Amino acid sequence: MNCMLLLLDENLPKKLIENNFNALIAYDKNLQHQQNFKKYPITVFVLSARVNTYPLLTKLSPQIMECLNMPLVTGHIEIK
Protein backbone atom coordinates (compact mmCIF):
# COMPACT_ATOMS: atom_id res chain seq x y z
CA MET A 1 0.00 0.00 0.00
CA ASN A 2 1.34 3.44 -0.98
CA CYS A 3 1.41 6.25 1.54
CA MET A 4 -0.18 9.57 0.61
CA LEU A 5 0.07 12.77 2.60
CA LEU A 6 -2.93 15.07 2.46
CA LEU A 7 -3.02 18.64 3.66
CA LEU A 8 -6.53 19.79 4.55
CA ASP A 9 -7.46 23.45 4.11
CA GLU A 10 -8.03 23.79 7.85
CA ASN A 11 -4.38 22.82 8.49
CA LEU A 12 -2.93 24.88 5.67
CA PRO A 13 -1.64 27.97 7.53
CA LYS A 14 -0.15 25.94 10.38
CA LYS A 15 1.66 23.52 8.03
CA LEU A 16 2.98 26.35 5.86
CA ILE A 17 4.43 28.07 8.92
CA GLU A 18 5.86 24.87 10.42
CA ASN A 19 7.66 24.12 7.15
CA ASN A 20 9.04 27.67 6.79
CA PHE A 21 7.11 28.65 3.68
CA ASN A 22 7.02 32.39 3.01
CA ALA A 23 4.26 32.41 0.40
CA LEU A 24 1.48 30.34 -1.09
CA ILE A 25 0.25 30.57 -4.69
CA ALA A 26 -3.37 29.51 -5.16
CA TYR A 27 -6.06 29.68 -7.80
CA ASP A 28 -8.88 29.27 -5.26
CA LYS A 29 -10.42 32.73 -5.19
CA ASN A 30 -12.34 31.90 -2.02
CA LEU A 31 -9.26 30.80 -0.07
CA GLN A 32 -8.75 34.21 1.52
CA HIS A 33 -12.35 34.01 2.76
CA GLN A 34 -11.94 30.46 4.08
CA GLN A 35 -8.73 31.16 6.00
CA ASN A 36 -7.65 34.15 8.09
CA PHE A 37 -4.16 34.56 6.67
CA LYS A 38 -3.69 37.93 8.40
CA LYS A 39 -2.98 36.12 11.67
CA TYR A 40 -0.09 34.17 10.08
CA PRO A 41 3.14 35.66 8.74
CA ILE A 42 2.58 34.44 5.18
CA THR A 43 1.74 35.98 1.82
CA VAL A 44 -0.97 34.33 -0.26
CA PHE A 45 -0.94 35.05 -3.98
CA VAL A 46 -4.42 34.43 -5.36
CA LEU A 47 -4.31 34.00 -9.13
CA SER A 48 -7.25 35.56 -10.92
CA ALA A 49 -7.72 34.38 -14.48
CA ARG A 50 -10.66 33.59 -16.75
CA VAL A 51 -9.79 29.87 -16.77
CA ASN A 52 -7.43 27.67 -14.79
CA THR A 53 -5.03 26.57 -17.55
CA TYR A 54 -1.25 26.40 -17.44
CA PRO A 55 -0.69 28.69 -20.48
CA LEU A 56 -2.96 31.36 -19.06
CA LEU A 57 -1.70 31.15 -15.46
CA THR A 58 1.98 31.27 -16.50
CA LYS A 59 1.29 34.69 -18.03
CA LEU A 60 0.86 35.89 -14.43
CA SER A 61 4.43 34.82 -13.53
CA PRO A 62 6.05 38.25 -14.14
CA GLN A 63 3.63 39.86 -11.68
CA ILE A 64 4.36 37.18 -9.09
CA MET A 65 8.11 37.61 -9.56
CA GLU A 66 7.75 41.38 -9.18
CA CYS A 67 5.95 40.88 -5.85
CA LEU A 68 8.54 38.33 -4.69
CA ASN A 69 11.32 40.88 -5.28
CA MET A 70 9.70 43.24 -2.76
CA PRO A 71 9.20 42.65 0.98
CA LEU A 72 6.34 40.20 1.41
CA VAL A 73 3.19 41.36 3.16
CA THR A 74 0.95 39.36 5.45
CA GLY A 75 -2.36 38.40 3.89
CA HIS A 76 -3.48 37.89 0.32
CA ILE A 77 -2.45 39.60 -2.90
CA GLU A 78 -4.64 39.16 -5.96
CA ILE A 79 -2.67 38.65 -9.16
CA LYS A 80 -4.62 39.52 -12.35
C-alpha atoms as a PDB file:
ATOM      1  CA  MET A   1       0.000   0.000   0.000  1.00  0.00           C
ATOM      2  CA  ASN A   2       1.339   3.437  -0.976  1.00  0.00           C
ATOM      3  CA  CYS A   3       1.415   6.247   1.541  1.00  0.00           C
ATOM      4  CA  MET A   4      -0.182   9.565   0.612  1.00  0.00           C
ATOM      5  CA  LEU A   5       0.071  12.772   2.599  1.00  0.00           C
ATOM      6  CA  LEU A   6      -2.930  15.065   2.464  1.00  0.00           C
ATOM      7  CA  LEU A   7      -3.018  18.645   3.665  1.00  0.00           C
ATOM      8  CA  LEU A   8      -6.528  19.791   4.548  1.00  0.00           C
ATOM      9  CA  ASP A   9      -7.459  23.451   4.108  1.00  0.00           C
ATOM     10  CA  GLU A  10      -8.028  23.793   7.854  1.00  0.00           C
ATOM     11  CA  ASN A  11      -4.385  22.822   8.488  1.00  0.00           C
ATOM     12  CA  LEU A  12      -2.933  24.877   5.670  1.00  0.00           C
ATOM     13  CA  PRO A  13      -1.645  27.967   7.526  1.00  0.00           C
ATOM     14  CA  LYS A  14      -0.146  25.939  10.375  1.00  0.00           C
ATOM     15  CA  LYS A  15       1.659  23.524   8.027  1.00  0.00           C
ATOM     16  CA  LEU A  16       2.977  26.346   5.863  1.00  0.00           C
ATOM     17  CA  ILE A  17       4.435  28.070   8.921  1.00  0.00           C
ATOM     18  CA  GLU A  18       5.857  24.867  10.416  1.00  0.00           C
ATOM     19  CA  ASN A  19       7.662  24.120   7.149  1.00  0.00           C
ATOM     20  CA  ASN A  20       9.044  27.672   6.794  1.00  0.00           C
ATOM     21  CA  PHE A  21       7.111  28.651   3.676  1.00  0.00           C
ATOM     22  CA  ASN A  22       7.022  32.387   3.011  1.00  0.00           C
ATOM     23  CA  ALA A  23       4.264  32.409   0.403  1.00  0.00           C
ATOM     24  CA  LEU A  24       1.480  30.342  -1.093  1.00  0.00           C
ATOM     25  CA  ILE A  25       0.246  30.571  -4.689  1.00  0.00           C
ATOM     26  CA  ALA A  26      -3.368  29.511  -5.159  1.00  0.00           C
ATOM     27  CA  TYR A  27      -6.063  29.678  -7.800  1.00  0.00           C
ATOM     28  CA  ASP A  28      -8.877  29.272  -5.264  1.00  0.00           C
ATOM     29  CA  LYS A  29     -10.422  32.734  -5.194  1.00  0.00           C
ATOM     30  CA  ASN A  30     -12.335  31.901  -2.019  1.00  0.00           C
ATOM     31  CA  LEU A  31      -9.262  30.795  -0.074  1.00  0.00           C
ATOM     32  CA  GLN A  32      -8.751  34.205   1.524  1.00  0.00           C
ATOM     33  CA  HIS A  33     -12.348  34.015   2.763  1.00  0.00           C
ATOM     34  CA  GLN A  34     -11.944  30.460   4.082  1.00  0.00           C
ATOM     35  CA  GLN A  35      -8.734  31.160   6.003  1.00  0.00           C
ATOM     36  CA  ASN A  36      -7.651  34.145   8.090  1.00  0.00           C
ATOM     37  CA  PHE A  37      -4.157  34.564   6.668  1.00  0.00           C
ATOM     38  CA  LYS A  38      -3.691  37.932   8.395  1.00  0.00           C
ATOM     39  CA  LYS A  39      -2.978  36.123  11.675  1.00  0.00           C
ATOM     40  CA  TYR A  40      -0.094  34.169  10.081  1.00  0.00           C
ATOM     41  CA  PRO A  41       3.137  35.663   8.744  1.00  0.00           C
ATOM     42  CA  ILE A  42       2.576  34.441   5.184  1.00  0.00           C
ATOM     43  CA  THR A  43       1.740  35.975   1.819  1.00  0.00           C
ATOM     44  CA  VAL A  44      -0.968  34.326  -0.265  1.00  0.00           C
ATOM     45  CA  PHE A  45      -0.938  35.048  -3.983  1.00  0.00           C
ATOM     46  CA  VAL A  46      -4.424  34.425  -5.357  1.00  0.00           C
ATOM     47  CA  LEU A  47      -4.309  34.001  -9.131  1.00  0.00           C
ATOM     48  CA  SER A  48      -7.251  35.564 -10.916  1.00  0.00           C
ATOM     49  CA  ALA A  49      -7.725  34.376 -14.478  1.00  0.00           C
ATOM     50  CA  ARG A  50     -10.658  33.590 -16.749  1.00  0.00           C
ATOM     51  CA  VAL A  51      -9.787  29.875 -16.769  1.00  0.00           C
ATOM     52  CA  ASN A  52      -7.425  27.671 -14.787  1.00  0.00           C
ATOM     53  CA  THR A  53      -5.031  26.575 -17.549  1.00  0.00           C
ATOM     54  CA  TYR A  54      -1.254  26.399 -17.444  1.00  0.00           C
ATOM     55  CA  PRO A  55      -0.689  28.686 -20.479  1.00  0.00           C
ATOM     56  CA  LEU A  56      -2.958  31.360 -19.056  1.00  0.00           C
ATOM     57  CA  LEU A  57      -1.702  31.152 -15.460  1.00  0.00           C
ATOM     58  CA  THR A  58       1.978  31.272 -16.501  1.00  0.00           C
ATOM     59  CA  LYS A  59       1.290  34.691 -18.031  1.00  0.00           C
ATOM     60  CA  LEU A  60       0.863  35.885 -14.432  1.00  0.00           C
ATOM     61  CA  SER A  61       4.426  34.819 -13.532  1.00  0.00           C
ATOM     62  CA  PRO A  62       6.051  38.247 -14.140  1.00  0.00           C
ATOM     63  CA  GLN A  63       3.633  39.859 -11.682  1.00  0.00           C
ATOM     64  CA  ILE A  64       4.357  37.181  -9.086  1.00  0.00           C
ATOM     65  CA  MET A  65       8.106  37.611  -9.563  1.00  0.00           C
ATOM     66  CA  GLU A  66       7.750  41.375  -9.182  1.00  0.00           C
ATOM     67  CA  CYS A  67       5.951  40.883  -5.853  1.00  0.00           C
ATOM     68  CA  LEU A  68       8.540  38.335  -4.694  1.00  0.00           C
ATOM     69  CA  ASN A  69      11.316  40.883  -5.283  1.00  0.00           C
ATOM     70  CA  MET A  70       9.700  43.238  -2.757  1.00  0.00           C
ATOM     71  CA  PRO A  71       9.203  42.652   0.976  1.00  0.00           C
ATOM     72  CA  LEU A  72       6.341  40.195   1.409  1.00  0.00           C
ATOM     73  CA  VAL A  73       3.191  41.360   3.160  1.00  0.00           C
ATOM     74  CA  THR A  74       0.952  39.362   5.448  1.00  0.00           C
ATOM     75  CA  GLY A  75      -2.358  38.401   3.885  1.00  0.00           C
ATOM     76  CA  HIS A  76      -3.482  37.891   0.317  1.00  0.00           C
ATOM     77  CA  ILE A  77      -2.452  39.595  -2.895  1.00  0.00           C
ATOM     78  CA  GLU A  78      -4.639  39.163  -5.957  1.00  0.00           C
ATOM     79  CA  ILE A  79      -2.670  38.648  -9.162  1.00  0.00           C
ATOM     80  CA  LYS A  80      -4.622  39.522 -12.350  1.00  0.00           C
END
